[in-house]
Amino acid sequence: MIPSFYLAATSALIHQHDCSAYSSACVRAHWREAFTAAAHASDADGDAARAACAMQACADVSLIVDDAQEAEDWFRRSLRGLQHSPALLPWSWRAAALQALFRDRLETAAACFLRLSHQEEQRPLQLEALAFLVVIGAQLGMLSPARQALAKLVKCVEEVDDDDWRALASCIELDVAASLRVHEKPALSDHAYWLSAQRMPSGHAAAWSLQPPRATARMDGFAALLGHRETFVQRLAALAQGDADEFAPLQEALDWGGSQAHDVRIAAGLEIFKACLAGEHSQLADMAMKALAPAAADRHPHSRREFMYCQSRLRQQQGRLDESMALYSRYAACSMEFLRREGAALARIVAQEFLAAEPPRDDVSVRLPARYRRAYEYMLRSIDRSDLSIPEVAESIGVTERALQVTFKSCLGEAPRQVLRRLRLQHIREALICDEDARTPIMEVASRYGILNRTSLLAGFRKYFREAPSDAVERALCSELRSART
């Protein structure tokens, strides 16, 4: 599944009444036109809340065209415009969730989307959150909890009786069903995230229909947008079942989104690559791989892992077993590192009460009173936002900054700013260790979490971890080398 595609769809629906020009351009994948329309709406005088929501539309387009820094800037401006609005919290959760999702931080994304999934007074944001909970579950092969999220999405859509959201829910179900048909093939039986789907009873798998109930979208251009994706995933399923004739039209369909939406093209190309492997069309898979490389290897961490996996399976089908084993060993190491890092998200997704799961509590949160525990959990959910401030944290639970300061000091022995700084340093260190190729500059990683001064970063690492940031990078590289040798 492709998060960028579904962001284009949900963003168009959310903003269709306040900025119809934006939504119209978005469903036609005219990103410059969509951005211009949203930016113009954000300059509107007299309605600060509406302007702030338009800024989120600008951020959405920036995420779709892979400009995370631009997206962060627009999200920050949006939340400033909403600082005196009761809608601040839901929109801030949305901003944190989307940025985390596009940074491969599924724990934060799932936590924020779960919060939004209960916000009935912000119905469009609730529906979007439920849609992305299905996407997260499907990306990880966790189909039972994804099914629960889809069931709640359908229930909420019926309550509002909206054909556009109903059509989107149908498209999502078809997308998951096609992914299952691809990943359940024996040729992909060792995919790290879909092992549970391999063991799924056939009756359970059949619950995801390739012909779900259909609804006719009403928004101009929205039916064509969903139709493109539905046709694409149906062709993927047919290719995985052995129909090689589907390869050419699938390759032609890669042009959706244009040259700006690089990640959409790469993600769709990887889907074709996997469908070729599932159908054991090794020659077609080789063509798909050559069309992707080297772009897929240098993009989003999820794309790098998937590309590495597909390469390993292709080499196996070609009889190049030594290369296959080396590639699969690297893929397995990266995937296990990812699963360890995102363990809390996986625990949340597979929980029996998926949509009512509470955020995991550590010893810090346990030492705080219940009300202030929510402030600490807010920090954890929003840690990927470099603009997160202590006044915002205090406002999130309805107390003064002074009250927050006194309570944290008495219960934890640290001021809220110290706690936030420690959490940011922990996430920076974790990101450096988990960077598979150590390609990202240290300060670029640190800046994502609001630390811009090299001296301050070094002092924090020395204080909390008794090492320099470069030591963490070096240790990660040594571990990677040992894994490669074994």
Protein backbone atom coordinates (compact mmCIF):
# COMPACT_ATOMS: atom_id res chain seq x y z
CA MET A 1 0.00 0.00 0.00
CA ILE A 2 1.16 3.53 -0.75
CA PRO A 3 0.67 6.09 2.04
CA SER A 4 1.25 9.02 -0.34
CA PHE A 5 -1.67 7.94 -2.53
CA TYR A 6 -4.03 7.69 0.43
CA LEU A 7 -2.83 11.01 1.82
CA ALA A 8 -3.79 12.62 -1.51
CA ALA A 9 -7.23 11.04 -1.23
CA THR A 10 -7.94 11.84 2.42
CA SER A 11 -6.52 15.36 2.18
CA ALA A 12 -8.76 16.09 -0.80
CA LEU A 13 -11.79 14.93 1.18
CA ILE A 14 -10.87 16.85 4.32
CA HIS A 15 -10.42 20.15 2.47
CA GLN A 16 -13.09 19.81 -0.25
CA HIS A 17 -15.49 22.29 1.36
CA ASP A 18 -12.96 24.89 2.53
CA CYS A 19 -10.66 24.77 -0.50
CA SER A 20 -12.33 23.06 -3.46
CA ALA A 21 -9.62 24.20 -5.89
CA TYR A 22 -7.02 22.38 -3.80
CA SER A 23 -9.07 19.18 -3.66
CA SER A 24 -9.75 19.26 -7.39
CA ALA A 25 -6.05 19.58 -8.19
CA CYS A 26 -5.11 16.97 -5.61
CA VAL A 27 -7.31 14.21 -7.04
CA ARG A 28 -5.84 14.91 -10.50
CA ALA A 29 -2.27 14.68 -9.09
CA HIS A 30 -1.51 18.26 -10.13
CA TRP A 31 0.72 18.97 -7.15
CA ARG A 32 1.93 22.48 -8.04
CA GLU A 33 -1.63 23.60 -8.71
CA ALA A 34 -2.81 22.02 -5.46
CA PHE A 35 -0.05 23.67 -3.45
CA THR A 36 -0.75 27.07 -5.03
CA ALA A 37 -4.46 26.80 -4.23
CA ALA A 38 -3.80 25.80 -0.61
CA ALA A 39 -1.16 28.51 -0.15
CA HIS A 40 -3.59 31.11 -1.50
CA ALA A 41 -6.28 29.91 0.93
CA SER A 42 -3.79 30.10 3.79
CA ASP A 43 -3.41 33.85 3.15
CA ALA A 44 -7.12 34.50 3.63
CA ASP A 45 -7.87 37.30 6.09
CA GLY A 46 -10.47 37.13 8.84
CA ASP A 47 -10.59 33.36 9.41
CA ALA A 48 -7.46 32.19 11.19
CA ALA A 49 -8.72 28.64 11.74
CA ARG A 50 -9.56 28.15 8.05
CA ALA A 51 -6.17 29.57 7.02
CA ALA A 52 -4.41 27.22 9.45
CA CYS A 53 -6.22 24.21 7.97
CA ALA A 54 -5.15 25.31 4.49
CA MET A 55 -1.57 25.33 5.76
CA GLN A 56 -2.00 21.66 6.64
CA ALA A 57 -3.03 21.08 3.01
CA CYS A 58 0.26 22.70 1.94
CA ALA A 59 2.05 20.33 4.31
CA ASP A 60 0.19 17.34 2.85
CA VAL A 61 1.33 18.15 -0.68
CA SER A 62 4.89 18.63 0.57
CA LEU A 63 4.83 15.14 2.10
CA ILE A 64 3.45 13.64 -1.12
CA VAL A 65 6.27 15.16 -3.20
CA ASP A 66 8.86 14.06 -0.61
CA ASP A 67 9.75 17.44 0.87
CA ALA A 68 9.65 16.60 4.58
CA GLN A 69 11.31 19.83 5.69
CA GLU A 70 8.79 21.97 3.80
CA ALA A 71 5.98 19.87 5.28
CA GLU A 72 7.31 20.38 8.80
CA ASP A 73 7.43 24.15 8.27
CA TRP A 74 3.82 24.25 7.07
CA PHE A 75 2.62 22.03 9.90
CA ARG A 76 4.36 24.32 12.40
CA ARG A 77 2.72 27.41 10.91
CA SER A 78 -0.65 25.69 10.96
CA LEU A 79 -0.44 24.82 14.65
CA ARG A 80 0.58 28.36 15.51
CA GLY A 81 -2.55 29.58 13.77
CA LEU A 82 -4.67 27.15 15.81
CA GLN A 83 -3.05 27.83 19.18
CA HIS A 84 -6.19 29.47 20.58
CA SER A 85 -8.60 27.06 18.92
CA PRO A 86 -10.20 23.97 20.52
CA ALA A 87 -9.20 22.13 17.33
CA LEU A 88 -5.49 22.49 18.16
CA LEU A 89 -5.06 19.03 19.66
CA PRO A 90 -6.70 17.00 16.87
CA TRP A 91 -4.78 18.88 14.16
CA SER A 92 -1.53 18.61 16.11
CA TRP A 93 -2.06 14.84 16.43
CA ARG A 94 -2.65 14.69 12.69
CA ALA A 95 0.55 16.62 11.96
CA ALA A 96 2.60 14.41 14.27
CA ALA A 97 1.05 11.21 12.89
CA LEU A 98 1.66 12.00 9.24
CA GLN A 99 5.22 13.18 9.76
CA ALA A 100 5.99 10.07 11.81
CA LEU A 101 4.41 7.78 9.19
CA PHE A 102 6.52 9.27 6.40
CA ARG A 103 9.64 8.97 8.58
CA ASP A 104 9.07 5.25 9.23
CA ARG A 105 8.21 5.94 12.90
CA LEU A 106 5.15 3.75 13.18
CA GLU A 107 4.92 3.83 16.97
CA THR A 108 4.32 7.58 17.01
CA ALA A 109 2.07 7.42 13.94
CA ALA A 110 -0.10 4.65 15.40
CA ALA A 111 -0.41 6.39 18.78
CA CYS A 112 -1.56 9.66 17.23
CA PHE A 113 -3.92 8.03 14.75
CA LEU A 114 -5.41 6.00 17.61
CA ARG A 115 -6.12 9.22 19.50
CA LEU A 116 -7.75 10.73 16.42
CA SER A 117 -9.84 7.61 15.83
CA HIS A 118 -11.95 8.57 18.86
CA GLN A 119 -12.48 12.23 17.86
CA GLU A 120 -16.09 12.12 16.68
CA GLU A 121 -16.37 15.91 16.84
CA GLN A 122 -13.65 16.08 14.17
CA ARG A 123 -15.21 13.47 11.89
CA PRO A 124 -13.04 13.94 8.75
CA LEU A 125 -9.87 13.63 10.83
CA GLN A 126 -11.31 10.57 12.57
CA LEU A 127 -12.07 8.88 9.22
CA GLU A 128 -8.60 9.70 7.90
CA ALA A 129 -6.99 8.28 11.05
CA LEU A 130 -8.93 5.02 10.72
CA ALA A 131 -7.92 4.76 7.05
CA PHE A 132 -4.24 5.11 7.94
CA LEU A 133 -4.54 2.58 10.78
CA VAL A 134 -5.62 0.09 8.11
CA VAL A 135 -2.65 1.13 5.95
CA ILE A 136 -0.18 0.67 8.84
CA GLY A 137 -1.62 -2.73 9.72
CA ALA A 138 -1.50 -3.87 6.10
CA GLN A 139 2.07 -2.64 5.60
CA LEU A 140 3.14 -4.88 8.47
CA GLY A 141 1.04 -7.86 7.37
CA MET A 142 -1.11 -7.55 10.52
CA LEU A 143 -4.43 -8.21 8.83
CA SER A 144 -6.63 -9.01 11.81
CA PRO A 145 -6.18 -5.63 13.53
CA ALA A 146 -6.28 -3.92 10.13
CA ARG A 147 -9.66 -5.58 9.63
CA GLN A 148 -10.85 -4.16 12.95
CA ALA A 149 -9.80 -0.67 11.90
CA LEU A 150 -11.56 -1.08 8.55
CA ALA A 151 -14.73 -2.26 10.29
CA LYS A 152 -14.76 0.86 12.46
CA LEU A 153 -14.05 3.03 9.40
CA VAL A 154 -17.03 1.52 7.54
CA LYS A 155 -19.24 1.97 10.63
CA CYS A 156 -18.28 5.64 10.99
CA VAL A 157 -18.77 6.25 7.26
CA GLU A 158 -22.28 4.80 7.47
CA GLU A 159 -23.04 7.16 10.36
CA VAL A 160 -22.14 10.21 8.25
CA ASP A 161 -23.55 8.65 5.05
CA ASP A 162 -20.80 10.00 2.80
CA ASP A 163 -20.31 8.28 -0.58
CA ASP A 164 -16.80 9.62 -1.10
CA TRP A 165 -15.50 8.17 2.17
CA ARG A 166 -17.49 5.00 1.48
CA ALA A 167 -15.75 4.65 -1.90
CA LEU A 168 -12.36 5.22 -0.24
CA ALA A 169 -13.03 2.48 2.33
CA SER A 170 -13.92 0.11 -0.52
CA CYS A 171 -10.68 0.99 -2.33
CA ILE A 172 -8.63 0.35 0.82
CA GLU A 173 -10.21 -3.07 1.30
CA LEU A 174 -9.45 -3.98 -2.31
CA ASP A 175 -5.86 -2.77 -1.86
CA VAL A 176 -5.30 -4.96 1.21
CA ALA A 177 -6.91 -7.95 -0.53
CA ALA A 178 -4.55 -7.57 -3.50
CA SER A 179 -1.53 -7.29 -1.19
CA LEU A 180 -2.60 -10.49 0.54
CA ARG A 181 -2.93 -12.29 -2.80
CA VAL A 182 0.62 -11.27 -3.67
CA HIS A 183 2.25 -12.03 -0.32
CA GLU A 184 0.52 -15.37 0.25
CA LYS A 185 2.36 -16.90 -2.73
CA PRO A 186 5.10 -19.41 -1.81
CA ALA A 187 7.77 -17.36 -3.60
CA LEU A 188 7.38 -14.63 -0.94
CA SER A 189 6.90 -16.92 2.05
CA ASP A 190 9.87 -15.51 3.97
CA HIS A 191 8.87 -11.84 3.94
CA ALA A 192 9.50 -10.55 7.48
CA TYR A 193 6.22 -8.67 7.91
CA TRP A 194 3.87 -11.08 6.16
CA LEU A 195 4.79 -14.33 7.93
CA SER A 196 1.55 -14.16 9.93
CA ALA A 197 -0.44 -13.83 6.70
CA GLN A 198 1.25 -16.99 5.40
CA ARG A 199 -0.23 -18.94 8.32
CA MET A 200 -3.67 -17.33 8.09
CA PRO A 201 -6.57 -19.75 7.57
CA SER A 202 -7.99 -19.56 4.06
CA GLY A 203 -11.41 -18.47 5.35
CA HIS A 204 -9.84 -15.53 7.19
CA ALA A 205 -7.90 -14.49 4.11
CA ALA A 206 -11.07 -14.61 2.03
CA ALA A 207 -12.57 -11.95 4.31
CA TRP A 208 -10.55 -9.45 2.30
CA SER A 209 -12.45 -9.35 -0.95
CA LEU A 210 -11.10 -8.39 -4.36
CA GLN A 211 -14.68 -7.31 -5.09
CA PRO A 212 -15.79 -5.32 -2.01
CA PRO A 213 -19.11 -3.44 -1.92
CA ARG A 214 -18.81 -0.49 -4.27
CA ALA A 215 -19.94 3.10 -3.84
CA THR A 216 -20.01 5.91 -6.38
CA ALA A 217 -17.82 8.83 -5.37
CA ARG A 218 -19.49 12.21 -5.76
CA MET A 219 -16.57 14.63 -5.64
CA ASP A 220 -15.42 15.58 -9.13
CA GLY A 221 -12.40 13.50 -10.12
CA PHE A 222 -12.42 11.35 -6.97
CA ALA A 223 -13.89 8.29 -8.70
CA ALA A 224 -11.14 8.46 -11.33
CA LEU A 225 -8.48 8.72 -8.61
CA LEU A 226 -9.73 5.64 -6.79
CA GLY A 227 -10.38 3.84 -10.07
CA HIS A 228 -6.73 4.20 -11.04
CA ARG A 229 -5.61 2.54 -7.84
CA GLU A 230 -8.27 -0.18 -7.95
CA THR A 231 -7.33 -1.16 -11.50
CA PHE A 232 -3.65 -1.12 -10.56
CA VAL A 233 -3.98 -3.47 -7.56
CA GLN A 234 -6.30 -5.84 -9.46
CA ARG A 235 -3.62 -6.10 -12.15
CA LEU A 236 -1.02 -6.77 -9.43
CA ALA A 237 -3.08 -9.67 -8.10
CA ALA A 238 -3.48 -11.09 -11.61
CA LEU A 239 0.27 -10.78 -12.28
CA ALA A 240 1.00 -12.60 -9.01
CA GLN A 241 -1.39 -15.37 -10.12
CA GLY A 242 0.67 -15.87 -13.28
CA ASP A 243 -0.81 -13.50 -15.90
CA ALA A 244 2.34 -11.98 -17.43
CA ASP A 245 0.28 -9.84 -19.81
CA GLU A 246 -0.49 -7.49 -16.92
CA PHE A 247 3.14 -6.35 -16.63
CA ALA A 248 3.10 -3.84 -19.53
CA PRO A 249 -0.05 -1.93 -18.44
CA LEU A 250 1.24 -1.86 -14.87
CA GLN A 251 4.49 -0.24 -16.01
CA GLU A 252 2.53 2.32 -18.00
CA ALA A 253 0.47 3.17 -14.91
CA LEU A 254 3.59 4.23 -13.01
CA ASP A 255 3.28 7.73 -14.44
CA TRP A 256 0.47 8.59 -11.98
CA GLY A 257 1.60 11.44 -9.77
CA GLY A 258 4.06 12.84 -12.29
CA SER A 259 7.78 13.42 -11.87
CA GLN A 260 7.38 15.18 -8.51
CA ALA A 261 5.88 12.24 -6.61
CA HIS A 262 9.08 10.17 -6.58
CA ASP A 263 8.12 8.01 -3.60
CA VAL A 264 4.77 7.10 -5.15
CA ARG A 265 6.48 5.86 -8.29
CA ILE A 266 9.08 3.89 -6.32
CA ALA A 267 6.47 2.30 -4.04
CA ALA A 268 4.32 1.30 -7.02
CA GLY A 269 7.40 -0.04 -8.82
CA LEU A 270 8.21 -2.19 -5.79
CA GLU A 271 4.66 -3.56 -5.83
CA ILE A 272 5.16 -4.60 -9.46
CA PHE A 273 8.55 -6.11 -8.61
CA LYS A 274 7.00 -8.24 -5.83
CA ALA A 275 4.04 -9.30 -7.99
CA CYS A 276 6.48 -10.52 -10.67
CA LEU A 277 8.37 -12.53 -8.05
CA ALA A 278 5.14 -13.94 -6.60
CA GLY A 279 4.13 -15.13 -10.08
CA GLU A 280 7.70 -16.41 -10.66
CA HIS A 281 8.22 -14.23 -13.72
CA SER A 282 11.96 -13.82 -13.14
CA GLN A 283 12.64 -12.05 -16.44
CA LEU A 284 9.91 -9.51 -15.81
CA ALA A 285 11.13 -9.11 -12.22
CA ASP A 286 14.61 -8.35 -13.54
CA MET A 287 13.15 -5.65 -15.79
CA ALA A 288 11.22 -4.20 -12.85
CA MET A 289 14.37 -4.17 -10.72
CA LYS A 290 16.40 -2.35 -13.37
CA ALA A 291 13.65 0.27 -13.72
CA LEU A 292 13.81 0.89 -9.96
CA ALA A 293 17.55 0.84 -9.21
CA PRO A 294 19.27 2.82 -7.86
CA ALA A 295 16.41 5.13 -6.84
CA ALA A 296 14.73 2.61 -4.50
CA ALA A 297 17.97 1.91 -2.65
CA ASP A 298 18.43 5.59 -1.77
CA ARG A 299 14.93 6.59 -0.67
CA HIS A 300 12.64 5.89 2.26
CA PRO A 301 13.94 3.20 4.70
CA HIS A 302 10.86 1.05 4.02
CA SER A 303 11.56 1.18 0.28
CA ARG A 304 15.20 0.22 0.87
CA ARG A 305 14.21 -2.82 2.90
CA GLU A 306 11.60 -3.93 0.38
CA PHE A 307 14.00 -3.46 -2.53
CA MET A 308 16.67 -5.49 -0.74
CA TYR A 309 14.17 -8.27 -0.11
CA CYS A 310 13.01 -8.34 -3.74
CA GLN A 311 16.60 -8.43 -4.96
CA SER A 312 17.33 -11.42 -2.74
CA ARG A 313 14.29 -13.34 -4.02
CA LEU A 314 15.14 -12.53 -7.64
CA ARG A 315 18.68 -13.83 -7.21
CA GLN A 316 17.22 -17.01 -5.73
CA GLN A 317 14.92 -17.51 -8.73
CA GLN A 318 17.90 -16.90 -11.03
CA GLY A 319 19.93 -19.57 -9.23
CA ARG A 320 22.49 -17.08 -7.87
CA LEU A 321 22.23 -18.48 -4.36
CA ASP A 322 25.31 -16.87 -2.77
CA GLU A 323 24.13 -13.41 -3.77
CA SER A 324 20.62 -14.28 -2.63
CA MET A 325 21.78 -15.35 0.82
CA ALA A 326 23.98 -12.27 1.27
CA LEU A 327 21.14 -9.93 0.30
CA TYR A 328 18.60 -11.75 2.45
CA SER A 329 20.93 -11.67 5.46
CA ARG A 330 21.20 -7.89 5.13
CA TYR A 331 17.45 -7.58 4.67
CA ALA A 332 16.73 -9.75 7.71
CA ALA A 333 19.14 -7.74 9.88
CA CYS A 334 17.57 -4.42 8.81
CA SER A 335 14.03 -5.73 9.23
CA MET A 336 14.70 -7.16 12.69
CA GLU A 337 16.27 -3.86 13.73
CA PHE A 338 13.16 -2.07 12.49
CA LEU A 339 10.84 -4.49 14.29
CA ARG A 340 12.78 -4.07 17.55
CA ARG A 341 12.68 -0.29 17.21
CA GLU A 342 8.97 -0.27 16.44
CA GLY A 343 8.04 -3.04 18.90
CA ALA A 344 5.60 -0.83 20.78
CA ALA A 345 3.75 -0.07 17.54
CA LEU A 346 3.53 -3.76 16.71
CA ALA A 347 2.27 -4.53 20.23
CA ARG A 348 -0.37 -1.83 19.76
CA ILE A 349 -1.42 -3.16 16.37
CA VAL A 350 -1.76 -6.80 17.42
CA ALA A 351 -3.51 -5.97 20.71
CA GLN A 352 -6.92 -7.61 21.06
CA GLU A 353 -8.55 -4.22 21.62
CA PHE A 354 -6.73 -2.56 18.73
CA LEU A 355 -8.62 0.68 18.71
CA ALA A 356 -8.80 1.03 22.48
CA ALA A 357 -5.16 0.28 23.22
CA GLU A 358 -3.49 2.50 25.79
CA PRO A 359 -0.02 3.92 25.14
CA PRO A 360 2.69 1.79 26.77
CA ARG A 361 3.79 3.18 30.12
CA ASP A 362 7.36 3.21 31.34
CA ASP A 363 8.66 3.81 34.86
CA VAL A 364 8.68 7.59 34.27
CA SER A 365 4.98 7.82 33.46
CA VAL A 366 4.09 5.57 36.40
CA ARG A 367 5.73 8.03 38.83
CA LEU A 368 3.53 10.90 37.63
CA PRO A 369 -0.05 11.67 38.69
CA ALA A 370 -2.65 10.57 36.14
CA ARG A 371 -3.19 14.04 34.70
CA TYR A 372 0.50 14.77 34.28
CA ARG A 373 1.09 11.29 32.93
CA ARG A 374 -0.89 12.45 29.89
CA ALA A 375 1.59 15.32 29.45
CA TYR A 376 4.50 12.88 29.38
CA GLU A 377 2.65 10.65 26.90
CA TYR A 378 1.97 13.74 24.77
CA MET A 379 5.74 14.36 24.67
CA LEU A 380 6.32 10.78 23.55
CA ARG A 381 3.72 10.96 20.79
CA SER A 382 5.00 14.29 19.50
CA ILE A 383 8.73 13.73 19.88
CA ASP A 384 9.25 13.78 16.10
CA ARG A 385 8.09 17.42 16.01
CA SER A 386 11.07 19.73 16.30
CA ASP A 387 8.76 22.63 17.25
CA LEU A 388 7.22 20.90 20.28
CA SER A 389 7.25 23.31 23.23
CA ILE A 390 6.62 23.02 26.96
CA PRO A 391 3.75 25.58 26.88
CA GLU A 392 2.03 23.38 24.28
CA VAL A 393 2.52 20.30 26.49
CA ALA A 394 1.02 22.13 29.46
CA GLU A 395 -1.92 23.32 27.36
CA SER A 396 -2.57 19.78 26.16
CA ILE A 397 -3.66 18.78 29.69
CA GLY A 398 -5.13 22.13 30.70
CA VAL A 399 -2.58 23.27 33.30
CA THR A 400 -0.17 26.18 33.53
CA GLU A 401 3.46 25.84 32.57
CA ARG A 402 4.35 26.55 36.22
CA ALA A 403 2.15 23.69 37.49
CA LEU A 404 3.75 21.32 34.98
CA GLN A 405 7.21 22.46 36.11
CA VAL A 406 6.48 21.91 39.82
CA THR A 407 4.92 18.46 39.33
CA PHE A 408 7.70 17.14 37.08
CA LYS A 409 10.34 18.44 39.48
CA SER A 410 8.74 16.88 42.54
CA CYS A 411 7.94 13.50 40.93
CA LEU A 412 10.84 13.01 38.51
CA GLY A 413 13.52 15.33 39.79
CA GLU A 414 13.71 16.92 36.34
CA ALA A 415 12.05 19.93 34.77
CA PRO A 416 9.80 19.29 31.75
CA ARG A 417 12.42 20.82 29.44
CA GLN A 418 15.04 18.39 30.75
CA VAL A 419 12.69 15.44 30.24
CA LEU A 420 11.88 16.55 26.69
CA ARG A 421 15.57 17.07 25.92
CA ARG A 422 16.46 13.60 27.24
CA LEU A 423 13.71 12.00 25.14
CA ARG A 424 14.93 13.83 22.05
CA LEU A 425 18.51 12.71 22.65
CA GLN A 426 17.34 9.10 23.10
CA HIS A 427 15.50 9.23 19.77
CA ILE A 428 18.49 10.83 18.03
CA ARG A 429 20.79 8.10 19.34
CA GLU A 430 18.31 5.42 18.31
CA ALA A 431 18.00 6.91 14.81
CA LEU A 432 21.79 7.01 14.40
CA ILE A 433 22.14 3.39 15.50
CA CYS A 434 19.30 2.27 13.21
CA ASP A 435 20.60 4.09 10.11
CA GLU A 436 21.46 1.01 8.06
CA ASP A 437 24.14 2.66 5.92
CA ALA A 438 25.13 5.57 8.20
CA ARG A 439 24.50 7.91 5.26
CA THR A 440 22.54 10.59 7.09
CA PRO A 441 24.70 13.37 8.64
CA ILE A 442 24.51 13.45 12.43
CA MET A 443 23.29 17.04 12.62
CA GLU A 444 20.58 16.35 10.04
CA VAL A 445 19.22 13.62 12.31
CA ALA A 446 19.50 15.88 15.36
CA SER A 447 17.69 18.75 13.62
CA ARG A 448 14.62 16.53 13.11
CA TYR A 449 14.21 16.56 16.88
CA GLY A 450 14.87 20.25 17.42
CA ILE A 451 18.57 20.13 18.40
CA LEU A 452 20.53 22.43 16.10
CA ASN A 453 23.72 23.10 18.06
CA ARG A 454 26.57 20.58 17.71
CA THR A 455 28.12 21.49 21.07
CA SER A 456 24.78 21.07 22.84
CA LEU A 457 24.26 17.70 21.15
CA LEU A 458 27.69 16.46 22.18
CA ALA A 459 27.20 17.62 25.78
CA GLY A 460 23.85 15.86 25.99
CA PHE A 461 25.27 12.60 24.64
CA ARG A 462 28.17 12.76 27.11
CA LYS A 463 25.78 13.38 30.00
CA TYR A 464 23.20 10.70 29.28
CA PHE A 465 25.05 8.04 27.27
CA ARG A 466 28.73 8.60 28.14
CA GLU A 467 29.66 8.65 24.47
CA ALA A 468 29.75 11.00 21.48
CA PRO A 469 27.18 10.77 18.66
CA SER A 470 29.94 9.54 16.34
CA ASP A 471 30.58 6.62 18.73
CA ALA A 472 26.98 5.45 18.27
CA VAL A 473 27.36 5.61 14.48
CA GLU A 474 30.65 3.72 14.58
CA ARG A 475 29.19 0.99 16.78
CA ALA A 476 26.25 0.57 14.40
CA LEU A 477 28.61 0.24 11.44
CA CYS A 478 30.68 -2.39 13.24
CA SER A 479 27.52 -4.34 14.01
CA GLU A 480 26.46 -4.14 10.36
CA LEU A 481 29.86 -5.41 9.22
CA ARG A 482 29.70 -8.35 11.64
CA SER A 483 26.21 -9.22 10.34
CA ALA A 484 27.46 -9.11 6.75
CA ARG A 485 30.35 -11.43 7.56
CA THR A 486 28.12 -13.97 9.22
